[in-house]
Amino acid sequence: MRLILKNGAVFEGVSFGAPVSVSGEVVFNMGMVGYPETLTDPSYAGQILVCTYPLIGNYGVPDKSHFESGKIQVSGLVVSEYSENYSHYSAKQSLANWLKKSGVPAITGVDTRALTKKLREHGVMLGQLLQSDPSKKLRTSKPKTFIDPNKENLVALVSIRERKIYGKGAVRIMVVDCGIKENIIRSLTRPETTVIRVPWDYDFTNEKYDALVLGNGPGDPTMCKPTIEHVKKALAAGKPILGICLGNQILALAAGAKTYKLKYGHRSQNQPCLETSSGRCYITSQNHGYAVNSASLPADWEEWFTNANDGSNEGIRHKRKPWRSVQFHPEASPGPTDTAWIFDEFLSQLKMSSDSNSAASLAGRRTESERSASTRRQRRRRATVTRKNP
């Protein structure tokens, strides 16, 4: 099997996934663990994922309660060394078996360090995973046309098709599913909430709800035109809003700002983000290829977080209204739970304030001890899920 990049670079290896060939955008993730959650993250739709950590598959695959969607979302997987033998108390099957059953190709034996250096220097590239032609020992089937998944509306492909409701609480939260991770739904589902999950283009503007959450998803945010228009109406109505990942970009576009494509994106579990007001640095989990152009933000908006590595935007908020969003993943899964307080802060403000005029900038108002307590609660919730599925 071979990985062929659009610039002509070729990487040989051995297939350990489904015996199919695919095309997609080649990206890299620097996480050391969490491949079951990563592979099922809908934000990876249309992408061939390169794992920079050399050993993958050594703890197998757990049951689907640990997944971030109902299936593997990546188009293909590239690793340095696949571990055929796995060991973990929660493992139900091997990574290779899961990939084969899911129809997803994978290649092992690739120099992922050299590959990642190429992607960092050039930027993410289109590529293909090509299966070997049995009639030719060392050659592979002829490369097909390289396909750019970002030219498609990937959000429409991964979003749910029908409205779903979780819980029976008094606080009604409308969640727009652009490819949202399951742990965001888990983080919002509390005794006091009713979570209403709707498709990406669903017109929720005439329904009764107390707050709006814009979830993560794949691809170019400008493809989500219906979503952006609906968010504009929510802004006009003064509804509290929280955006996550793609939701950060959609909120910015609805506010009148612009977005752009990053050279190679942020895909890891160790991205440092600086909170503008306090200067505190949080370690975050991220998966995105686009970002908000902070210079294009209207005068009544401000940056909430910035990336300590490259200075790119990691969150925005309105200076007076209850509208804010983050580019990273406070729900983690996989990754650190340092910013789990964002969910608690959002929900506590919804319960405390029925008057949107008194909700001046809802972010950054909690004490450090309260934020630390939120992080501990999120860790306990994750531990509970693990214990329930030994």
Protein backbone atom coordinates (compact mmCIF):
# COMPACT_ATOMS: atom_id res chain seq x y z
CA MET A 1 0.00 0.00 0.00
CA ARG A 2 1.14 3.56 -0.68
CA LEU A 3 0.26 7.06 0.43
CA ILE A 4 0.68 9.50 -2.46
CA LEU A 5 0.63 13.26 -1.86
CA LYS A 6 -0.44 15.74 -4.51
CA ASN A 7 3.09 17.19 -4.64
CA GLY A 8 4.39 13.78 -5.81
CA ALA A 9 5.78 12.47 -2.51
CA VAL A 10 5.22 8.74 -1.99
CA PHE A 11 5.26 6.76 1.27
CA GLU A 12 5.22 2.94 1.15
CA GLY A 13 3.79 0.76 3.88
CA VAL A 14 1.61 -2.22 4.76
CA SER A 15 -2.17 -2.21 4.77
CA PHE A 16 -3.95 -3.14 8.03
CA GLY A 17 -7.41 -1.70 7.36
CA ALA A 18 -10.06 -2.27 4.73
CA PRO A 19 -8.76 -3.27 1.26
CA VAL A 20 -9.95 -0.10 -0.50
CA SER A 21 -8.34 3.03 -1.98
CA VAL A 22 -9.41 6.53 -0.93
CA SER A 23 -8.66 10.19 -1.59
CA GLY A 24 -8.78 13.05 0.92
CA GLU A 25 -7.00 15.86 2.70
CA VAL A 26 -3.91 14.59 4.58
CA VAL A 27 -3.67 16.07 8.09
CA PHE A 28 -1.74 15.15 11.24
CA ASN A 29 -2.71 14.79 14.89
CA MET A 30 -0.12 14.90 17.68
CA GLY A 31 -2.12 13.14 20.40
CA MET A 32 -0.45 10.27 22.24
CA VAL A 33 -3.71 8.53 23.16
CA GLY A 34 -7.41 8.72 22.33
CA TYR A 35 -7.51 7.24 18.83
CA PRO A 36 -11.05 5.75 19.30
CA GLU A 37 -12.43 9.21 20.13
CA THR A 38 -10.34 10.88 17.44
CA LEU A 39 -11.32 8.50 14.64
CA THR A 40 -15.03 8.97 15.43
CA ASP A 41 -14.88 12.78 15.59
CA PRO A 42 -17.04 14.08 12.68
CA SER A 43 -14.66 17.03 12.23
CA TYR A 44 -12.29 14.57 10.49
CA ALA A 45 -14.77 13.79 7.70
CA GLY A 46 -13.01 13.70 4.32
CA GLN A 47 -9.52 13.57 5.83
CA ILE A 48 -6.69 11.04 5.82
CA LEU A 49 -5.33 11.18 9.36
CA VAL A 50 -1.63 10.85 10.19
CA CYS A 51 -0.88 9.93 13.82
CA THR A 52 2.47 11.42 14.84
CA TYR A 53 2.70 9.25 17.97
CA PRO A 54 4.54 6.15 16.71
CA LEU A 55 2.65 3.32 18.45
CA ILE A 56 -1.06 2.99 17.65
CA GLY A 57 -3.52 0.21 18.46
CA ASN A 58 -1.87 -1.12 21.63
CA TYR A 59 -4.97 -0.76 23.79
CA GLY A 60 -7.53 -1.92 21.23
CA VAL A 61 -10.99 -0.42 20.77
CA PRO A 62 -13.61 -0.06 23.54
CA ASP A 63 -17.38 -0.26 23.12
CA LYS A 64 -19.27 2.48 21.30
CA SER A 65 -20.13 4.42 24.47
CA HIS A 66 -16.62 5.88 24.22
CA PHE A 67 -17.09 7.00 20.59
CA GLU A 68 -17.76 10.60 19.56
CA SER A 69 -20.21 9.56 16.82
CA GLY A 70 -21.78 6.40 15.49
CA LYS A 71 -18.92 5.43 13.17
CA ILE A 72 -15.32 6.06 12.07
CA GLN A 73 -15.29 9.45 10.34
CA VAL A 74 -11.78 9.62 8.85
CA SER A 75 -11.33 8.57 5.22
CA GLY A 76 -8.06 6.78 5.99
CA LEU A 77 -5.43 6.28 8.70
CA VAL A 78 -1.62 6.50 8.53
CA VAL A 79 0.61 5.28 11.39
CA SER A 80 4.25 4.52 12.00
CA GLU A 81 3.75 1.27 13.88
CA TYR A 82 0.47 -0.60 14.33
CA SER A 83 0.35 -2.90 17.35
CA GLU A 84 -1.37 -6.17 16.41
CA ASN A 85 -1.46 -7.23 20.05
CA TYR A 86 -3.61 -5.08 22.31
CA SER A 87 -4.30 -5.09 26.03
CA HIS A 88 -6.89 -3.07 27.98
CA TYR A 89 -9.71 -4.06 30.31
CA SER A 90 -12.28 -2.14 28.21
CA ALA A 91 -11.09 -3.38 24.79
CA LYS A 92 -13.70 -5.19 22.71
CA GLN A 93 -11.77 -5.63 19.45
CA SER A 94 -8.54 -4.70 17.67
CA LEU A 95 -8.12 -1.44 15.75
CA ALA A 96 -7.49 -3.38 12.52
CA ASN A 97 -10.71 -5.35 12.90
CA TRP A 98 -12.71 -2.17 13.57
CA LEU A 99 -11.23 -0.45 10.52
CA LYS A 100 -11.96 -3.43 8.27
CA LYS A 101 -15.56 -3.73 9.47
CA SER A 102 -15.98 0.02 8.92
CA GLY A 103 -14.56 -0.05 5.38
CA VAL A 104 -11.72 2.37 6.25
CA PRO A 105 -8.20 1.78 4.84
CA ALA A 106 -5.07 2.15 6.97
CA ILE A 107 -1.33 1.92 6.39
CA THR A 108 1.49 1.12 8.82
CA GLY A 109 5.27 1.29 8.43
CA VAL A 110 5.28 4.92 7.27
CA ASP A 111 7.92 7.41 8.43
CA THR A 112 5.33 9.69 9.99
CA ARG A 113 8.00 12.09 11.25
CA ALA A 114 9.20 12.80 7.69
CA LEU A 115 5.59 12.98 6.48
CA THR A 116 4.60 15.45 9.21
CA LYS A 117 7.61 17.65 8.43
CA LYS A 118 6.42 17.85 4.82
CA LEU A 119 2.92 18.81 5.91
CA ARG A 120 4.24 21.47 8.31
CA GLU A 121 6.48 22.99 5.65
CA HIS A 122 4.00 22.85 2.78
CA GLY A 123 0.71 22.88 4.67
CA VAL A 124 -1.94 20.17 4.58
CA MET A 125 -2.12 18.49 1.17
CA LEU A 126 -4.49 16.36 -0.82
CA GLY A 127 -3.48 12.73 -0.95
CA GLN A 128 -4.51 9.17 -1.72
CA LEU A 129 -4.18 5.81 -0.05
CA LEU A 130 -3.77 3.25 -2.84
CA GLN A 131 -3.99 -0.49 -2.42
CA SER A 132 -1.43 -2.69 -4.14
CA ASP A 133 -2.29 -4.21 -7.50
CA PRO A 134 -1.96 -8.01 -6.99
CA SER A 135 -0.70 -8.42 -10.58
CA LYS A 136 2.28 -6.13 -9.95
CA LYS A 137 4.43 -6.98 -6.95
CA LEU A 138 5.72 -3.57 -5.89
CA ARG A 139 3.51 -1.21 -7.81
CA THR A 140 0.13 0.16 -6.91
CA SER A 141 -2.94 0.99 -8.90
CA LYS A 142 -2.79 4.19 -10.92
CA PRO A 143 -3.55 7.36 -8.90
CA LYS A 144 -6.98 8.78 -9.50
CA THR A 145 -7.94 12.45 -9.46
CA PHE A 146 -7.14 14.13 -6.15
CA ILE A 147 -10.37 15.19 -4.45
CA ASP A 148 -10.58 18.23 -2.18
CA PRO A 149 -13.20 17.44 0.49
CA ASN A 150 -13.40 21.11 1.51
CA LYS A 151 -15.20 21.88 -1.75
CA GLU A 152 -18.11 19.78 -0.49
CA ASN A 153 -20.55 20.67 2.25
CA LEU A 154 -19.13 18.17 4.74
CA VAL A 155 -21.39 19.45 7.50
CA ALA A 156 -24.46 18.32 5.55
CA LEU A 157 -22.94 14.83 5.32
CA VAL A 158 -22.25 14.36 9.06
CA SER A 159 -25.13 16.25 10.70
CA ILE A 160 -28.09 14.34 12.11
CA ARG A 161 -31.20 14.14 9.93
CA GLU A 162 -33.90 14.47 12.60
CA ARG A 163 -34.43 16.45 15.77
CA LYS A 164 -33.49 14.69 19.05
CA ILE A 165 -34.27 15.61 22.66
CA TYR A 166 -32.25 14.74 25.79
CA GLY A 167 -33.51 15.33 29.33
CA LYS A 168 -36.55 17.04 30.82
CA GLY A 169 -35.09 20.02 32.65
CA ALA A 170 -36.46 23.56 32.83
CA VAL A 171 -33.59 25.15 30.88
CA ARG A 172 -34.10 24.52 27.16
CA ILE A 173 -30.87 24.52 25.12
CA MET A 174 -31.01 24.43 21.33
CA VAL A 175 -27.94 22.62 19.95
CA VAL A 176 -27.13 22.93 16.25
CA ASP A 177 -25.46 19.71 15.09
CA CYS A 178 -22.86 20.51 12.44
CA GLY A 179 -21.09 17.25 13.27
CA ILE A 180 -21.15 17.66 17.02
CA LYS A 181 -19.19 15.32 19.30
CA GLU A 182 -21.20 13.18 21.69
CA ASN A 183 -19.29 14.45 24.71
CA ILE A 184 -20.60 17.96 24.10
CA ILE A 185 -24.11 16.56 24.39
CA ARG A 186 -23.07 14.69 27.54
CA SER A 187 -21.57 17.85 29.01
CA LEU A 188 -24.77 19.85 28.43
CA THR A 189 -27.17 17.16 29.64
CA ARG A 190 -27.87 17.90 33.30
CA PRO A 191 -30.91 17.46 35.59
CA GLU A 192 -31.82 21.10 34.98
CA THR A 193 -31.55 21.04 31.17
CA THR A 194 -33.48 19.89 28.13
CA VAL A 195 -31.09 19.58 25.19
CA ILE A 196 -32.75 19.89 21.78
CA ARG A 197 -30.37 18.65 19.07
CA VAL A 198 -31.26 19.77 15.55
CA PRO A 199 -29.75 19.35 12.05
CA TRP A 200 -27.29 21.95 10.74
CA ASP A 201 -29.87 23.71 8.51
CA TYR A 202 -32.88 23.40 10.86
CA ASP A 203 -34.80 26.65 11.38
CA PHE A 204 -35.09 26.83 15.15
CA THR A 205 -35.83 30.56 15.28
CA ASN A 206 -39.57 30.18 15.91
CA GLU A 207 -39.18 27.57 18.65
CA LYS A 208 -39.08 28.11 22.39
CA TYR A 209 -35.57 27.87 23.82
CA ASP A 210 -33.43 29.63 26.43
CA ALA A 211 -29.97 29.40 24.85
CA LEU A 212 -28.20 28.31 21.69
CA VAL A 213 -25.12 26.07 21.36
CA LEU A 214 -23.24 25.80 18.07
CA GLY A 215 -21.25 22.58 17.88
CA ASN A 216 -18.11 21.46 16.07
CA GLY A 217 -17.98 20.05 12.56
CA PRO A 218 -15.82 19.58 9.46
CA GLY A 219 -14.81 21.73 6.54
CA ASP A 220 -15.19 25.36 5.50
CA PRO A 221 -17.56 27.32 7.79
CA THR A 222 -18.74 29.52 4.90
CA MET A 223 -20.51 26.44 3.53
CA CYS A 224 -22.98 26.67 6.43
CA LYS A 225 -25.02 29.55 5.02
CA PRO A 226 -28.42 28.48 6.44
CA THR A 227 -26.86 28.04 9.90
CA ILE A 228 -25.25 31.47 9.74
CA GLU A 229 -28.57 33.10 8.82
CA HIS A 230 -30.36 31.36 11.69
CA VAL A 231 -27.64 32.48 14.14
CA LYS A 232 -28.07 36.07 12.94
CA LYS A 233 -31.73 35.86 13.98
CA ALA A 234 -30.73 34.42 17.35
CA LEU A 235 -28.36 37.36 17.83
CA ALA A 236 -31.14 39.79 16.95
CA ALA A 237 -33.36 38.08 19.53
CA GLY A 238 -30.65 38.44 22.19
CA LYS A 239 -30.47 34.72 22.98
CA PRO A 240 -27.42 33.53 24.97
CA ILE A 241 -25.03 31.68 22.65
CA LEU A 242 -22.06 29.35 23.15
CA GLY A 243 -20.02 28.19 20.14
CA ILE A 244 -17.46 25.37 20.07
CA CYS A 245 -14.84 24.83 17.33
CA LEU A 246 -16.74 25.28 14.04
CA GLY A 247 -19.32 27.04 16.19
CA ASN A 248 -16.72 29.72 16.96
CA GLN A 249 -16.32 30.37 13.24
CA ILE A 250 -20.06 30.33 12.54
CA LEU A 251 -20.74 32.81 15.35
CA ALA A 252 -17.98 35.08 14.03
CA LEU A 253 -19.40 34.95 10.50
CA ALA A 254 -22.90 35.72 11.81
CA ALA A 255 -21.46 38.70 13.70
CA GLY A 256 -19.85 40.05 10.51
CA ALA A 257 -16.26 38.80 10.89
CA LYS A 258 -14.26 36.66 8.45
CA THR A 259 -12.55 33.27 8.58
CA TYR A 260 -9.52 31.78 6.83
CA LYS A 261 -7.81 28.42 6.35
CA LEU A 262 -4.79 27.67 8.53
CA LYS A 263 -1.61 26.30 6.97
CA TYR A 264 -1.80 22.94 8.75
CA GLY A 265 -4.45 23.45 11.42
CA HIS A 266 -4.48 22.58 15.10
CA ARG A 267 -5.04 18.88 15.80
CA SER A 268 -3.70 17.74 19.16
CA GLN A 269 -4.42 17.53 22.87
CA ASN A 270 -1.78 20.00 24.05
CA GLN A 271 -2.60 23.34 22.39
CA PRO A 272 -1.87 26.25 24.81
CA CYS A 273 -4.55 28.96 24.85
CA LEU A 274 -4.24 32.30 26.63
CA GLU A 275 -7.32 33.89 28.16
CA THR A 276 -7.14 37.54 27.17
CA SER A 277 -8.56 39.03 30.38
CA SER A 278 -6.54 37.03 32.92
CA GLY A 279 -3.48 35.99 30.92
CA ARG A 280 -3.91 32.44 32.22
CA CYS A 281 -2.84 29.64 29.89
CA TYR A 282 -5.05 26.58 29.45
CA ILE A 283 -3.98 23.34 27.75
CA THR A 284 -6.69 22.36 25.29
CA SER A 285 -7.79 19.66 22.88
CA GLN A 286 -8.28 20.87 19.30
CA ASN A 287 -9.22 19.70 15.83
CA HIS A 288 -9.75 22.39 13.20
CA GLY A 289 -8.31 23.64 9.92
CA TYR A 290 -10.01 27.06 9.78
CA ALA A 291 -9.85 30.05 12.13
CA VAL A 292 -11.45 33.42 12.79
CA ASN A 293 -9.68 36.53 11.52
CA SER A 294 -9.62 38.50 14.77
CA ALA A 295 -8.82 41.74 12.93
CA SER A 296 -12.20 41.50 11.20
CA LEU A 297 -14.23 41.37 14.43
CA PRO A 298 -16.75 44.22 14.78
CA ALA A 299 -15.98 46.89 17.40
CA ASP A 300 -18.38 45.47 20.00
CA TRP A 301 -16.69 42.05 19.91
CA GLU A 302 -13.34 41.01 21.40
CA GLU A 303 -10.96 38.07 21.50
CA TRP A 304 -11.57 35.78 24.44
CA PHE A 305 -8.64 33.39 23.87
CA THR A 306 -5.58 33.32 21.62
CA ASN A 307 -3.23 30.48 20.71
CA ALA A 308 0.11 30.81 22.53
CA ASN A 309 1.95 29.05 19.68
CA ASP A 310 0.90 31.03 16.61
CA GLY A 311 -1.25 33.87 17.97
CA SER A 312 -4.36 32.74 16.08
CA ASN A 313 -7.83 33.27 17.49
CA GLU A 314 -9.11 30.68 19.98
CA GLY A 315 -12.34 32.34 21.10
CA ILE A 316 -14.50 35.45 20.85
CA ARG A 317 -17.11 37.15 22.99
CA HIS A 318 -19.37 40.17 22.84
CA LYS A 319 -18.46 43.03 25.16
CA ARG A 320 -22.00 43.38 26.57
CA LYS A 321 -24.26 40.61 25.29
CA PRO A 322 -24.32 36.93 26.42
CA TRP A 323 -22.55 35.64 23.30
CA ARG A 324 -19.25 33.81 23.33
CA SER A 325 -17.43 30.91 21.66
CA VAL A 326 -14.19 28.93 21.80
CA GLN A 327 -12.15 27.33 19.03
CA PHE A 328 -10.93 24.48 21.23
CA HIS A 329 -12.88 21.59 22.80
CA PRO A 330 -13.77 22.16 26.48
CA GLU A 331 -15.44 18.72 26.51
CA ALA A 332 -12.04 17.15 25.61
CA SER A 333 -12.56 13.47 24.79
CA PRO A 334 -9.73 12.92 24.17
CA GLY A 335 -7.57 15.41 26.00
CA PRO A 336 -7.34 17.61 29.10
CA THR A 337 -10.42 18.87 30.92
CA ASP A 338 -8.82 22.18 31.99
CA THR A 339 -11.59 24.23 30.35
CA ALA A 340 -14.61 22.14 31.40
CA TRP A 341 -15.65 25.15 33.48
CA ILE A 342 -16.91 26.80 30.28
CA PHE A 343 -19.98 24.52 30.29
CA ASP A 344 -20.65 25.09 34.00
CA GLU A 345 -20.24 28.84 33.61
CA PHE A 346 -22.60 28.92 30.64
CA LEU A 347 -25.28 26.85 32.42
CA SER A 348 -25.01 28.68 35.74
CA GLN A 349 -25.49 32.01 34.00
CA LEU A 350 -28.59 30.69 32.26
CA LYS A 351 -30.06 29.71 35.61
CA MET A 352 -29.10 32.95 37.36
CA SER A 353 -30.09 35.49 34.77
CA SER A 354 -33.41 35.81 33.02
CA ASP A 355 -32.61 39.38 31.99
CA SER A 356 -30.15 39.38 29.04
CA ASN A 357 -29.38 43.05 29.65
CA SER A 358 -27.77 42.19 32.98
CA ALA A 359 -25.63 39.46 31.41
CA ALA A 360 -22.71 41.62 30.39
CA SER A 361 -19.88 39.39 29.07
CA LEU A 362 -20.62 36.04 30.66
CA ALA A 363 -17.07 34.78 30.28
CA GLY A 364 -14.27 35.17 32.79
CA ARG A 365 -16.51 35.98 35.76
CA ARG A 366 -15.99 32.88 37.85
CA THR A 367 -13.24 32.47 40.40
CA GLU A 368 -10.32 30.17 39.82
CA SER A 369 -11.58 27.84 42.57
CA GLU A 370 -14.96 27.55 40.83
CA ARG A 371 -13.25 26.78 37.52
CA SER A 372 -11.07 24.14 39.15
CA ALA A 373 -14.16 22.57 40.71
CA SER A 374 -15.77 22.42 37.25
CA THR A 375 -12.72 20.64 35.89
CA ARG A 376 -12.84 18.10 38.72
CA ARG A 377 -16.54 17.43 38.07
CA GLN A 378 -15.87 16.84 34.38
CA ARG A 379 -13.10 14.37 35.24
CA ARG A 380 -15.46 12.52 37.59
CA ARG A 381 -18.10 12.32 34.85
CA ARG A 382 -15.55 10.79 32.45
CA ALA A 383 -14.42 8.33 35.14
CA THR A 384 -18.05 7.31 35.73
CA VAL A 385 -18.53 6.49 32.04
CA THR A 386 -15.40 4.33 32.15
CA ARG A 387 -16.53 2.45 35.28
CA LYS A 388 -19.94 1.74 33.77
CA ASN A 389 -18.28 0.07 30.80
CA PRO A 390 -15.50 -2.15 32.24
